[in-house]
């Protein structure tokens, strides 16, 4: 549907609105790109991976037992094999 303008002032006003909408859209794209880069930054990925691993260990009795036995064996070997 075509808009009919009755003056140059209306055209200029519409162009200004479109220009501002375009600028807002470009800024939103920039912010979204920055957020995406932050999500996939090495520090964030490592933190998320370690958190996920920690939660898995925390909620799994089998893994807890394995980790604890390994830690105790390591400590035992360090203490008694000097």
Protein backbone atom coordinates (compact mmCIF):
# COMPACT_ATOMS: atom_id res chain seq x y z
CA UNK A 1 0.00 0.00 0.00
CA UNK A 2 1.50 3.29 -1.10
CA UNK A 3 1.47 6.26 1.19
CA UNK A 4 0.45 9.57 -0.31
CA UNK A 5 2.30 12.56 0.95
CA UNK A 6 0.90 16.04 0.73
CA UNK A 7 4.11 17.93 1.40
CA UNK A 8 7.88 17.65 1.38
CA UNK A 9 7.77 18.07 5.15
CA UNK A 10 5.86 14.78 5.50
CA UNK A 11 8.36 13.04 3.22
CA UNK A 12 11.31 14.39 5.19
CA UNK A 13 9.67 13.37 8.47
CA UNK A 14 9.10 9.82 7.18
CA UNK A 15 12.70 9.64 5.91
CA UNK A 16 13.99 10.76 9.31
CA UNK A 17 11.91 8.08 11.04
CA UNK A 18 13.22 5.43 8.65
CA UNK A 19 16.77 6.63 9.18
CA UNK A 20 16.40 6.34 12.98
CA UNK A 21 14.79 2.90 12.71
CA UNK A 22 17.69 1.76 10.53
CA UNK A 23 20.23 3.10 13.05
CA UNK A 24 18.44 1.31 15.90
CA UNK A 25 18.43 -1.95 13.93
CA UNK A 26 22.15 -1.66 13.17
CA UNK A 27 22.92 -1.05 16.86
CA UNK A 28 20.81 -4.06 17.86
CA UNK A 29 22.76 -6.22 15.41
CA UNK A 30 26.01 -4.96 16.93
CA UNK A 31 24.87 -5.72 20.48
CA UNK A 32 23.64 -9.18 19.44
CA UNK A 33 26.98 -9.89 17.75
CA UNK A 34 28.88 -8.83 20.89
CA UNK A 35 26.66 -11.02 23.07
CA UNK A 36 27.18 -13.97 20.75
CA UNK A 37 30.96 -13.51 20.78
CA UNK A 38 30.88 -13.31 24.58
CA UNK A 39 28.89 -16.55 24.78
CA UNK A 40 31.54 -18.37 22.77
CA UNK A 41 34.60 -16.79 24.37
CA UNK A 42 37.17 -19.30 25.64
CA UNK A 43 36.75 -18.20 29.27
CA UNK A 44 32.98 -18.60 29.11
CA UNK A 45 33.20 -22.01 27.42
CA UNK A 46 35.70 -23.29 29.99
CA UNK A 47 33.60 -21.96 32.86
CA UNK A 48 30.44 -23.54 31.48
CA UNK A 49 32.24 -26.83 30.84
CA UNK A 50 33.67 -26.99 34.34
CA UNK A 51 30.31 -26.06 35.86
CA UNK A 52 28.62 -28.78 33.86
CA UNK A 53 31.28 -31.31 34.87
CA UNK A 54 30.96 -30.25 38.50
CA UNK A 55 27.20 -30.68 38.39
CA UNK A 56 27.57 -34.11 36.80
CA UNK A 57 29.99 -35.23 39.49
CA UNK A 58 27.85 -33.69 42.21
CA UNK A 59 24.74 -35.59 41.14
CA UNK A 60 26.36 -38.94 40.28
CA UNK A 61 27.30 -41.33 43.05
CA UNK A 62 29.37 -43.51 40.73
CA UNK A 63 31.50 -40.62 39.53
CA UNK A 64 31.84 -39.29 43.09
CA UNK A 65 33.13 -42.65 44.24
CA UNK A 66 35.58 -42.85 41.35
CA UNK A 67 36.90 -39.32 41.93
CA UNK A 68 37.17 -39.76 45.69
CA UNK A 69 38.95 -43.11 45.41
CA UNK A 70 41.39 -41.63 42.88
CA UNK A 71 42.06 -38.62 45.12
CA UNK A 72 42.57 -40.81 48.18
CA UNK A 73 44.93 -43.13 46.28
CA UNK A 74 46.93 -40.12 45.11
CA UNK A 75 47.15 -38.69 48.63
CA UNK A 76 47.99 -42.10 50.11
CA UNK A 77 50.80 -42.60 47.58
CA UNK A 78 52.20 -39.12 48.24
CA UNK A 79 52.18 -39.56 52.02
CA UNK A 80 53.39 -43.12 52.39
CA UNK A 81 55.77 -43.46 49.45
CA UNK A 82 58.17 -40.66 50.38
